[in-house]
Amino acid sequence: MNERIAGEPTDEIIGEVTYGPFASPRMSAILKKFGKRAFGRSSACMEFEDFLRRIAVTGKTCLEIGTFHGVTAALLAQHFGQVLCVTIDEPATRSLRDQIIEHLGVTNVRFFDVANNEMKAELIGRLDFDFCYQDGDHTNDTLTDFDLVKKCGRVLFHEYWPLQPAVWNLVNSLPRQEVMRAHFDNLAYWERGARWIA
Protein backbone atom coordinates (compact mmCIF):
# COMPACT_ATOMS: atom_id res chain seq x y z
CA MET A 1 0.00 0.00 0.00
CA ASN A 2 1.03 3.68 -0.04
CA GLU A 3 4.30 4.65 1.62
CA ARG A 4 3.63 6.89 4.60
CA ILE A 5 5.36 10.11 5.50
CA ALA A 6 5.69 10.59 9.24
CA GLY A 7 2.76 12.60 10.58
CA GLU A 8 0.80 12.47 7.31
CA PRO A 9 -2.50 10.58 7.27
CA THR A 10 -2.78 7.91 4.59
CA ASP A 11 -5.97 7.57 2.58
CA GLU A 12 -6.18 3.91 1.67
CA ILE A 13 -7.34 3.18 -1.87
CA ILE A 14 -9.96 0.41 -1.78
CA GLY A 15 -10.74 -1.46 -4.98
CA GLU A 16 -9.37 -1.06 -8.47
CA VAL A 17 -9.70 2.17 -10.42
CA THR A 18 -11.40 1.20 -13.68
CA TYR A 19 -12.18 4.54 -15.34
CA GLY A 20 -10.84 8.07 -15.54
CA PRO A 21 -7.21 9.19 -15.56
CA PHE A 22 -6.17 6.92 -12.69
CA ALA A 23 -7.20 3.82 -14.64
CA SER A 24 -4.16 4.14 -16.91
CA PRO A 25 -1.35 1.76 -15.91
CA ARG A 26 1.22 4.43 -15.02
CA MET A 27 -1.22 6.65 -13.12
CA SER A 28 -2.57 3.63 -11.24
CA ALA A 29 0.94 2.45 -10.33
CA ILE A 30 1.85 5.91 -8.99
CA LEU A 31 -1.37 6.16 -6.99
CA LYS A 32 -0.97 2.70 -5.45
CA LYS A 33 2.66 3.22 -4.46
CA PHE A 34 2.76 6.89 -3.46
CA GLY A 35 -0.85 7.90 -2.85
CA LYS A 36 -2.38 11.28 -3.48
CA ARG A 37 0.73 13.24 -2.41
CA ALA A 38 2.33 12.40 -5.76
CA PHE A 39 -0.35 14.34 -7.60
CA GLY A 40 -0.15 17.67 -5.78
CA ARG A 41 0.10 20.45 -8.40
CA SER A 42 0.02 17.83 -11.18
CA SER A 43 -1.66 18.52 -14.51
CA ALA A 44 -2.01 14.78 -15.12
CA CYS A 45 -5.16 14.31 -13.06
CA MET A 46 -7.78 15.38 -15.59
CA GLU A 47 -7.70 14.61 -19.31
CA PHE A 48 -3.94 14.90 -19.84
CA GLU A 49 -3.43 11.44 -21.37
CA ASP A 50 -6.67 11.63 -23.36
CA PHE A 51 -5.61 14.98 -24.77
CA LEU A 52 -2.19 13.60 -25.77
CA ARG A 53 -4.00 10.87 -27.71
CA ARG A 54 -6.43 13.40 -29.22
CA ILE A 55 -3.61 15.47 -30.69
CA ALA A 56 -1.75 12.27 -31.65
CA VAL A 57 1.43 13.46 -29.98
CA THR A 58 4.64 11.64 -30.80
CA GLY A 59 8.21 12.57 -31.54
CA LYS A 60 11.88 12.14 -30.88
CA THR A 61 12.47 14.58 -28.01
CA CYS A 62 10.01 16.30 -25.71
CA LEU A 63 11.12 19.22 -23.58
CA GLU A 64 9.15 19.73 -20.39
CA ILE A 65 9.48 23.01 -18.52
CA GLY A 66 8.42 22.48 -14.91
CA THR A 67 7.99 18.86 -13.87
CA PHE A 68 7.56 18.94 -10.06
CA HIS A 69 6.96 15.27 -9.10
CA GLY A 70 7.63 13.92 -12.60
CA VAL A 71 4.15 12.48 -13.22
CA THR A 72 3.63 14.25 -16.54
CA ALA A 73 7.20 13.39 -17.57
CA ALA A 74 6.40 9.71 -17.03
CA LEU A 75 3.26 10.03 -19.16
CA LEU A 76 5.00 11.99 -21.93
CA ALA A 77 7.76 9.36 -22.00
CA GLN A 78 5.26 6.92 -23.54
CA HIS A 79 5.06 9.11 -26.67
CA PHE A 80 8.67 10.24 -27.20
CA GLY A 81 12.11 8.76 -27.60
CA GLN A 82 13.22 10.91 -24.70
CA VAL A 83 11.83 13.56 -22.35
CA LEU A 84 14.14 16.31 -21.10
CA CYS A 85 12.78 18.12 -18.05
CA VAL A 86 14.09 21.54 -17.08
CA THR A 87 12.88 22.78 -13.74
CA ILE A 88 13.53 25.38 -11.06
CA ASP A 89 11.59 23.39 -8.43
CA GLU A 90 12.56 23.17 -4.80
CA PRO A 91 15.11 20.44 -3.97
CA ALA A 92 12.53 18.80 -1.68
CA THR A 93 10.47 17.74 -4.72
CA ARG A 94 13.36 15.86 -6.33
CA SER A 95 13.30 12.82 -4.07
CA LEU A 96 9.69 11.90 -4.79
CA ARG A 97 10.16 12.73 -8.48
CA ASP A 98 13.12 10.38 -8.73
CA GLN A 99 11.32 7.65 -6.77
CA ILE A 100 8.31 7.81 -9.10
CA ILE A 101 10.41 7.50 -12.26
CA GLU A 102 12.44 4.64 -10.75
CA HIS A 103 9.32 2.81 -9.53
CA LEU A 104 7.79 2.94 -13.01
CA GLY A 105 11.01 1.75 -14.64
CA VAL A 106 11.04 4.76 -16.97
CA THR A 107 14.49 5.13 -18.54
CA ASN A 108 13.95 7.78 -21.20
CA VAL A 109 13.48 10.80 -18.89
CA ARG A 110 16.32 13.13 -17.87
CA PHE A 111 15.98 15.89 -15.28
CA PHE A 112 17.91 19.15 -15.41
CA ASP A 113 17.58 21.15 -12.20
CA VAL A 114 18.58 24.76 -12.72
CA ALA A 115 18.84 27.60 -10.22
CA ASN A 116 17.27 30.43 -12.21
CA ASN A 117 15.82 31.61 -15.52
CA GLU A 118 19.20 32.56 -16.95
CA MET A 119 20.48 29.01 -16.51
CA LYS A 120 17.20 27.66 -17.88
CA ALA A 121 17.48 29.81 -21.01
CA GLU A 122 21.11 28.87 -21.58
CA LEU A 123 20.35 25.15 -21.26
CA ILE A 124 17.25 25.20 -23.46
CA GLY A 125 19.19 27.12 -26.10
CA ARG A 126 21.54 24.13 -26.42
CA LEU A 127 18.85 21.43 -26.58
CA ASP A 128 17.23 19.91 -29.66
CA PHE A 129 13.56 19.02 -29.21
CA ASP A 130 10.52 18.64 -31.45
CA PHE A 131 7.78 19.19 -28.84
CA CYS A 132 7.44 21.15 -25.60
CA TYR A 133 5.15 20.83 -22.62
CA GLN A 134 5.26 24.29 -21.08
CA ASP A 135 4.27 24.10 -17.41
CA GLY A 136 6.69 26.38 -15.58
CA ASP A 137 6.00 29.60 -13.67
CA HIS A 138 2.81 30.64 -15.47
CA THR A 139 2.56 34.08 -13.89
CA ASN A 140 6.10 35.29 -14.53
CA ASP A 141 7.67 33.15 -17.27
CA THR A 142 4.97 32.27 -19.82
CA LEU A 143 6.13 34.69 -22.53
CA THR A 144 9.87 34.19 -22.04
CA ASP A 145 9.46 30.39 -21.89
CA PHE A 146 7.45 30.45 -25.12
CA ASP A 147 10.15 32.53 -26.79
CA LEU A 148 12.66 29.82 -25.79
CA VAL A 149 10.60 26.89 -27.13
CA LYS A 150 8.46 28.08 -30.05
CA LYS A 151 11.24 27.12 -32.47
CA CYS A 152 10.06 23.49 -32.21
CA GLY A 153 6.63 24.45 -33.61
CA ARG A 154 4.62 22.28 -31.18
CA VAL A 155 3.84 23.48 -27.66
CA LEU A 156 1.35 22.12 -25.13
CA PHE A 157 0.35 24.67 -22.50
CA HIS A 158 -0.95 24.01 -19.00
CA GLU A 159 -3.11 26.51 -17.09
CA TYR A 160 -4.96 27.78 -20.15
CA TRP A 161 -7.83 29.50 -18.40
CA PRO A 162 -8.70 33.10 -17.46
CA LEU A 163 -7.25 32.74 -13.94
CA GLN A 164 -3.80 32.57 -15.57
CA PRO A 165 -3.96 35.65 -17.83
CA ALA A 166 -0.40 35.24 -19.14
CA VAL A 167 -1.14 31.77 -20.58
CA TRP A 168 -4.72 32.66 -21.60
CA ASN A 169 -3.65 35.80 -23.47
CA LEU A 170 -0.65 34.18 -25.15
CA VAL A 171 -2.63 31.19 -26.45
CA ASN A 172 -5.46 33.45 -27.61
CA SER A 173 -2.96 35.61 -29.52
CA LEU A 174 -1.84 32.62 -31.63
CA PRO A 175 -3.55 31.83 -34.96
CA ARG A 176 -6.89 30.30 -33.99
CA GLN A 177 -6.68 27.41 -36.47
CA GLU A 178 -3.28 26.38 -35.03
CA VAL A 179 -4.66 25.85 -31.49
CA MET A 180 -6.50 22.82 -30.12
CA ARG A 181 -8.15 23.22 -26.73
CA ALA A 182 -8.98 20.45 -24.27
CA HIS A 183 -12.66 19.78 -23.65
CA PHE A 184 -12.67 19.89 -19.85
CA ASP A 185 -9.14 20.56 -18.66
CA ASN A 186 -7.05 23.72 -18.86
CA LEU A 187 -4.77 22.47 -21.64
CA ALA A 188 -4.18 24.05 -25.04
CA TYR A 189 -1.94 22.82 -27.85
CA TRP A 190 -0.33 25.00 -30.51
CA GLU A 191 1.12 23.51 -33.69
CA ARG A 192 2.66 25.83 -36.28
CA GLY A 193 0.84 25.52 -39.60
CA ALA A 194 -1.93 23.27 -38.26
CA ARG A 195 -5.53 23.54 -39.44
CA TRP A 196 -7.49 22.23 -36.45
CA ILE A 197 -10.63 24.20 -37.37
CA ALA A 198 -12.12 25.41 -40.65
C-alpha atoms as a PDB file:
ATOM      1  CA  MET A   1       0.000   0.000   0.000  1.00  0.00           C
ATOM      2  CA  ASN A   2       1.033   3.675  -0.044  1.00  0.00           C
ATOM      3  CA  GLU A   3       4.299   4.651   1.623  1.00  0.00           C
ATOM      4  CA  ARG A   4       3.634   6.894   4.598  1.00  0.00           C
ATOM      5  CA  ILE A   5       5.359  10.107   5.502  1.00  0.00           C
ATOM      6  CA  ALA A   6       5.688  10.588   9.244  1.00  0.00           C
ATOM      7  CA  GLY A   7       2.764  12.601  10.578  1.00  0.00           C
ATOM      8  CA  GLU A   8       0.804  12.471   7.309  1.00  0.00           C
ATOM      9  CA  PRO A   9      -2.504  10.584   7.272  1.00  0.00           C
ATOM     10  CA  THR A  10      -2.782   7.910   4.594  1.00  0.00           C
ATOM     11  CA  ASP A  11      -5.965   7.566   2.585  1.00  0.00           C
ATOM     12  CA  GLU A  12      -6.178   3.914   1.667  1.00  0.00           C
ATOM     13  CA  ILE A  13      -7.342   3.176  -1.873  1.00  0.00           C
ATOM     14  CA  ILE A  14      -9.958   0.412  -1.777  1.00  0.00           C
ATOM     15  CA  GLY A  15     -10.740  -1.456  -4.978  1.00  0.00           C
ATOM     16  CA  GLU A  16      -9.371  -1.062  -8.469  1.00  0.00           C
ATOM     17  CA  VAL A  17      -9.698   2.173 -10.423  1.00  0.00           C
ATOM     18  CA  THR A  18     -11.399   1.196 -13.681  1.00  0.00           C
ATOM     19  CA  TYR A  19     -12.177   4.539 -15.341  1.00  0.00           C
ATOM     20  CA  GLY A  20     -10.839   8.072 -15.544  1.00  0.00           C
ATOM     21  CA  PRO A  21      -7.208   9.193 -15.559  1.00  0.00           C
ATOM     22  CA  PHE A  22      -6.167   6.919 -12.693  1.00  0.00           C
ATOM     23  CA  ALA A  23      -7.201   3.818 -14.639  1.00  0.00           C
ATOM     24  CA  SER A  24      -4.157   4.138 -16.912  1.00  0.00           C
ATOM     25  CA  PRO A  25      -1.349   1.761 -15.908  1.00  0.00           C
ATOM     26  CA  ARG A  26       1.218   4.433 -15.022  1.00  0.00           C
ATOM     27  CA  MET A  27      -1.216   6.646 -13.118  1.00  0.00           C
ATOM     28  CA  SER A  28      -2.568   3.627 -11.236  1.00  0.00           C
ATOM     29  CA  ALA A  29       0.943   2.454 -10.333  1.00  0.00           C
ATOM     30  CA  ILE A  30       1.847   5.911  -8.990  1.00  0.00           C
ATOM     31  CA  LEU A  31      -1.374   6.161  -6.993  1.00  0.00           C
ATOM     32  CA  LYS A  32      -0.973   2.703  -5.451  1.00  0.00           C
ATOM     33  CA  LYS A  33       2.661   3.220  -4.464  1.00  0.00           C
ATOM     34  CA  PHE A  34       2.762   6.889  -3.456  1.00  0.00           C
ATOM     35  CA  GLY A  35      -0.854   7.896  -2.845  1.00  0.00           C
ATOM     36  CA  LYS A  36      -2.383  11.279  -3.477  1.00  0.00           C
ATOM     37  CA  ARG A  37       0.727  13.240  -2.407  1.00  0.00           C
ATOM     38  CA  ALA A  38       2.331  12.398  -5.757  1.00  0.00           C
ATOM     39  CA  PHE A  39      -0.350  14.345  -7.600  1.00  0.00           C
ATOM     40  CA  GLY A  40      -0.149  17.668  -5.781  1.00  0.00           C
ATOM     41  CA  ARG A  41       0.096  20.445  -8.398  1.00  0.00           C
ATOM     42  CA  SER A  42       0.020  17.831 -11.179  1.00  0.00           C
ATOM     43  CA  SER A  43      -1.658  18.524 -14.506  1.00  0.00           C
ATOM     44  CA  ALA A  44      -2.015  14.782 -15.119  1.00  0.00           C
ATOM     45  CA  CYS A  45      -5.159  14.308 -13.055  1.00  0.00           C
ATOM     46  CA  MET A  46      -7.776  15.379 -15.585  1.00  0.00           C
ATOM     47  CA  GLU A  47      -7.703  14.613 -19.309  1.00  0.00           C
ATOM     48  CA  PHE A  48      -3.942  14.900 -19.845  1.00  0.00           C
ATOM     49  CA  GLU A  49      -3.433  11.439 -21.371  1.00  0.00           C
ATOM     50  CA  ASP A  50      -6.667  11.625 -23.360  1.00  0.00           C
ATOM     51  CA  PHE A  51      -5.608  14.980 -24.774  1.00  0.00           C
ATOM     52  CA  LEU A  52      -2.193  13.604 -25.768  1.00  0.00           C
ATOM     53  CA  ARG A  53      -3.998  10.872 -27.715  1.00  0.00           C
ATOM     54  CA  ARG A  54      -6.435  13.398 -29.219  1.00  0.00           C
ATOM     55  CA  ILE A  55      -3.607  15.471 -30.688  1.00  0.00           C
ATOM     56  CA  ALA A  56      -1.752  12.266 -31.653  1.00  0.00           C
ATOM     57  CA  VAL A  57       1.426  13.456 -29.984  1.00  0.00           C
ATOM     58  CA  THR A  58       4.644  11.644 -30.795  1.00  0.00           C
ATOM     59  CA  GLY A  59       8.208  12.570 -31.544  1.00  0.00           C
ATOM     60  CA  LYS A  60      11.883  12.143 -30.881  1.00  0.00           C
ATOM     61  CA  THR A  61      12.472  14.576 -28.005  1.00  0.00           C
ATOM     62  CA  CYS A  62      10.005  16.297 -25.705  1.00  0.00           C
ATOM     63  CA  LEU A  63      11.123  19.222 -23.577  1.00  0.00           C
ATOM     64  CA  GLU A  64       9.146  19.733 -20.388  1.00  0.00           C
ATOM     65  CA  ILE A  65       9.479  23.013 -18.524  1.00  0.00           C
ATOM     66  CA  GLY A  66       8.424  22.477 -14.912  1.00  0.00           C
ATOM     67  CA  THR A  67       7.988  18.864 -13.872  1.00  0.00           C
ATOM     68  CA  PHE A  68       7.556  18.943 -10.057  1.00  0.00           C
ATOM     69  CA  HIS A  69       6.963  15.273  -9.099  1.00  0.00           C
ATOM     70  CA  GLY A  70       7.627  13.923 -12.601  1.00  0.00           C
ATOM     71  CA  VAL A  71       4.149  12.481 -13.218  1.00  0.00           C
ATOM     72  CA  THR A  72       3.631  14.246 -16.544  1.00  0.00           C
ATOM     73  CA  ALA A  73       7.203  13.389 -17.565  1.00  0.00           C
ATOM     74  CA  ALA A  74       6.402   9.712 -17.030  1.00  0.00           C
ATOM     75  CA  LEU A  75       3.259  10.035 -19.156  1.00  0.00           C
ATOM     76  CA  LEU A  76       4.996  11.985 -21.929  1.00  0.00           C
ATOM     77  CA  ALA A  77       7.762   9.358 -22.003  1.00  0.00           C
ATOM     78  CA  GLN A  78       5.264   6.916 -23.538  1.00  0.00           C
ATOM     79  CA  HIS A  79       5.063   9.109 -26.672  1.00  0.00           C
ATOM     80  CA  PHE A  80       8.667  10.243 -27.204  1.00  0.00           C
ATOM     81  CA  GLY A  81      12.110   8.756 -27.599  1.00  0.00           C
ATOM     82  CA  GLN A  82      13.220  10.914 -24.696  1.00  0.00           C
ATOM     83  CA  VAL A  83      11.834  13.556 -22.350  1.00  0.00           C
ATOM     84  CA  LEU A  84      14.139  16.314 -21.101  1.00  0.00           C
ATOM     85  CA  CYS A  85      12.781  18.117 -18.049  1.00  0.00           C
ATOM     86  CA  VAL A  86      14.094  21.541 -17.083  1.00  0.00           C
ATOM     87  CA  THR A  87      12.880  22.785 -13.743  1.00  0.00           C
ATOM     88  CA  ILE A  88      13.532  25.376 -11.059  1.00  0.00           C
ATOM     89  CA  ASP A  89      11.591  23.387  -8.433  1.00  0.00           C
ATOM     90  CA  GLU A  90      12.564  23.171  -4.800  1.00  0.00           C
ATOM     91  CA  PRO A  91      15.113  20.443  -3.973  1.00  0.00           C
ATOM     92  CA  ALA A  92      12.532  18.805  -1.676  1.00  0.00           C
ATOM     93  CA  THR A  93      10.465  17.744  -4.718  1.00  0.00           C
ATOM     94  CA  ARG A  94      13.361  15.862  -6.329  1.00  0.00           C
ATOM     95  CA  SER A  95      13.302  12.817  -4.069  1.00  0.00           C
ATOM     96  CA  LEU A  96       9.686  11.900  -4.790  1.00  0.00           C
ATOM     97  CA  ARG A  97      10.158  12.727  -8.478  1.00  0.00           C
ATOM     98  CA  ASP A  98      13.125  10.375  -8.734  1.00  0.00           C
ATOM     99  CA  GLN A  99      11.323   7.653  -6.767  1.00  0.00           C
ATOM    100  CA  ILE A 100       8.307   7.806  -9.100  1.00  0.00           C
ATOM    101  CA  ILE A 101      10.406   7.498 -12.258  1.00  0.00           C
ATOM    102  CA  GLU A 102      12.439   4.643 -10.754  1.00  0.00           C
ATOM    103  CA  HIS A 103       9.323   2.809  -9.525  1.00  0.00           C
ATOM    104  CA  LEU A 104       7.789   2.942 -13.014  1.00  0.00           C
ATOM    105  CA  GLY A 105      11.009   1.748 -14.642  1.00  0.00           C
ATOM    106  CA  VAL A 106      11.043   4.761 -16.965  1.00  0.00           C
ATOM    107  CA  THR A 107      14.492   5.128 -18.536  1.00  0.00           C
ATOM    108  CA  ASN A 108      13.948   7.784 -21.205  1.00  0.00           C
ATOM    109  CA  VAL A 109      13.482  10.801 -18.889  1.00  0.00           C
ATOM    110  CA  ARG A 110      16.317  13.135 -17.866  1.00  0.00           C
ATOM    111  CA  PHE A 111      15.979  15.887 -15.284  1.00  0.00           C
ATOM    112  CA  PHE A 112      17.914  19.149 -15.409  1.00  0.00           C
ATOM    113  CA  ASP A 113      17.583  21.147 -12.196  1.00  0.00           C
ATOM    114  CA  VAL A 114      18.578  24.765 -12.718  1.00  0.00           C
ATOM    115  CA  ALA A 115      18.845  27.605 -10.217  1.00  0.00           C
ATOM    116  CA  ASN A 116      17.274  30.435 -12.212  1.00  0.00           C
ATOM    117  CA  ASN A 117      15.817  31.611 -15.523  1.00  0.00           C
ATOM    118  CA  GLU A 118      19.202  32.557 -16.950  1.00  0.00           C
ATOM    119  CA  MET A 119      20.483  29.005 -16.508  1.00  0.00           C
ATOM    120  CA  LYS A 120      17.196  27.656 -17.884  1.00  0.00           C
ATOM    121  CA  ALA A 121      17.478  29.810 -21.013  1.00  0.00           C
ATOM    122  CA  GLU A 122      21.112  28.870 -21.581  1.00  0.00           C
ATOM    123  CA  LEU A 123      20.353  25.149 -21.256  1.00  0.00           C
ATOM    124  CA  ILE A 124      17.254  25.197 -23.463  1.00  0.00           C
ATOM    125  CA  GLY A 125      19.193  27.121 -26.099  1.00  0.00           C
ATOM    126  CA  ARG A 126      21.541  24.133 -26.419  1.00  0.00           C
ATOM    127  CA  LEU A 127      18.852  21.430 -26.578  1.00  0.00           C
ATOM    128  CA  ASP A 128      17.231  19.911 -29.655  1.00  0.00           C
ATOM    129  CA  PHE A 129      13.560  19.019 -29.213  1.00  0.00           C
ATOM    130  CA  ASP A 130      10.517  18.643 -31.448  1.00  0.00           C
ATOM    131  CA  PHE A 131       7.777  19.190 -28.838  1.00  0.00           C
ATOM    132  CA  CYS A 132       7.444  21.149 -25.603  1.00  0.00           C
ATOM    133  CA  TYR A 133       5.149  20.826 -22.617  1.00  0.00           C
ATOM    134  CA  GLN A 134       5.259  24.294 -21.080  1.00  0.00           C
ATOM    135  CA  ASP A 135       4.272  24.097 -17.408  1.00  0.00           C
ATOM    136  CA  GLY A 136       6.690  26.379 -15.579  1.00  0.00           C
ATOM    137  CA  ASP A 137       5.995  29.596 -13.669  1.00  0.00           C
ATOM    138  CA  HIS A 138       2.810  30.637 -15.467  1.00  0.00           C
ATOM    139  CA  THR A 139       2.555  34.079 -13.892  1.00  0.00           C
ATOM    140  CA  ASN A 140       6.095  35.285 -14.533  1.00  0.00           C
ATOM    141  CA  ASP A 141       7.670  33.145 -17.271  1.00  0.00           C
ATOM    142  CA  THR A 142       4.973  32.274 -19.816  1.00  0.00           C
ATOM    143  CA  LEU A 143       6.132  34.689 -22.530  1.00  0.00           C
ATOM    144  CA  THR A 144       9.871  34.186 -22.039  1.00  0.00           C
ATOM    145  CA  ASP A 145       9.462  30.391 -21.895  1.00  0.00           C
ATOM    146  CA  PHE A 146       7.454  30.446 -25.116  1.00  0.00           C
ATOM    147  CA  ASP A 147      10.153  32.533 -26.795  1.00  0.00           C
ATOM    148  CA  LEU A 148      12.656  29.818 -25.790  1.00  0.00           C
ATOM    149  CA  VAL A 149      10.602  26.893 -27.128  1.00  0.00           C
ATOM    150  CA  LYS A 150       8.461  28.076 -30.047  1.00  0.00           C
ATOM    151  CA  LYS A 151      11.237  27.117 -32.472  1.00  0.00           C
ATOM    152  CA  CYS A 152      10.056  23.490 -32.208  1.00  0.00           C
ATOM    153  CA  GLY A 153       6.633  24.451 -33.612  1.00  0.00           C
ATOM    154  CA  ARG A 154       4.619  22.275 -31.183  1.00  0.00           C
ATOM    155  CA  VAL A 155       3.842  23.481 -27.657  1.00  0.00           C
ATOM    156  CA  LEU A 156       1.354  22.115 -25.131  1.00  0.00           C
ATOM    157  CA  PHE A 157       0.354  24.665 -22.495  1.00  0.00           C
ATOM    158  CA  HIS A 158      -0.946  24.010 -18.997  1.00  0.00           C
ATOM    159  CA  GLU A 159      -3.115  26.513 -17.090  1.00  0.00           C
ATOM    160  CA  TYR A 160      -4.956  27.781 -20.155  1.00  0.00           C
ATOM    161  CA  TRP A 161      -7.826  29.505 -18.400  1.00  0.00           C
ATOM    162  CA  PRO A 162      -8.704  33.104 -17.456  1.00  0.00           C
ATOM    163  CA  LEU A 163      -7.248  32.736 -13.939  1.00  0.00           C
ATOM    164  CA  GLN A 164      -3.799  32.565 -15.567  1.00  0.00           C
ATOM    165  CA  PRO A 165      -3.960  35.646 -17.832  1.00  0.00           C
ATOM    166  CA  ALA A 166      -0.397  35.244 -19.144  1.00  0.00           C
ATOM    167  CA  VAL A 167      -1.141  31.775 -20.576  1.00  0.00           C
ATOM    168  CA  TRP A 168      -4.715  32.658 -21.604  1.00  0.00           C
ATOM    169  CA  ASN A 169      -3.651  35.800 -23.474  1.00  0.00           C
ATOM    170  CA  LEU A 170      -0.650  34.177 -25.150  1.00  0.00           C
ATOM    171  CA  VAL A 171      -2.626  31.192 -26.455  1.00  0.00           C
ATOM    172  CA  ASN A 172      -5.462  33.451 -27.610  1.00  0.00           C
ATOM    173  CA  SER A 173      -2.958  35.608 -29.521  1.00  0.00           C
ATOM    174  CA  LEU A 174      -1.837  32.620 -31.627  1.00  0.00           C
ATOM    175  CA  PRO A 175      -3.549  31.826 -34.957  1.00  0.00           C
ATOM    176  CA  ARG A 176      -6.887  30.296 -33.990  1.00  0.00           C
ATOM    177  CA  GLN A 177      -6.678  27.406 -36.475  1.00  0.00           C
ATOM    178  CA  GLU A 178      -3.281  26.377 -35.025  1.00  0.00           C
ATOM    179  CA  VAL A 179      -4.655  25.849 -31.492  1.00  0.00           C
ATOM    180  CA  MET A 180      -6.499  22.817 -30.124  1.00  0.00           C
ATOM    181  CA  ARG A 181      -8.146  23.223 -26.733  1.00  0.00           C
ATOM    182  CA  ALA A 182      -8.979  20.450 -24.274  1.00  0.00           C
ATOM    183  CA  HIS A 183     -12.660  19.776 -23.653  1.00  0.00           C
ATOM    184  CA  PHE A 184     -12.673  19.892 -19.854  1.00  0.00           C
ATOM    185  CA  ASP A 185      -9.142  20.559 -18.664  1.00  0.00           C
ATOM    186  CA  ASN A 186      -7.053  23.720 -18.862  1.00  0.00           C
ATOM    187  CA  LEU A 187      -4.770  22.471 -21.644  1.00  0.00           C
ATOM    188  CA  ALA A 188      -4.181  24.048 -25.041  1.00  0.00           C
ATOM    189  CA  TYR A 189      -1.944  22.817 -27.854  1.00  0.00           C
ATOM    190  CA  TRP A 190      -0.332  25.004 -30.514  1.00  0.00           C
ATOM    191  CA  GLU A 191       1.122  23.513 -33.686  1.00  0.00           C
ATOM    192  CA  ARG A 192       2.664  25.834 -36.277  1.00  0.00           C
ATOM    193  CA  GLY A 193       0.837  25.522 -39.597  1.00  0.00           C
ATOM    194  CA  ALA A 194      -1.929  23.266 -38.255  1.00  0.00           C
ATOM    195  CA  ARG A 195      -5.528  23.544 -39.439  1.00  0.00           C
ATOM    196  CA  TRP A 196      -7.489  22.233 -36.455  1.00  0.00           C
ATOM    197  CA  ILE A 197     -10.631  24.199 -37.373  1.00  0.00           C
ATOM    198  CA  ALA A 198     -12.123  25.414 -40.647  1.00  0.00           C
END
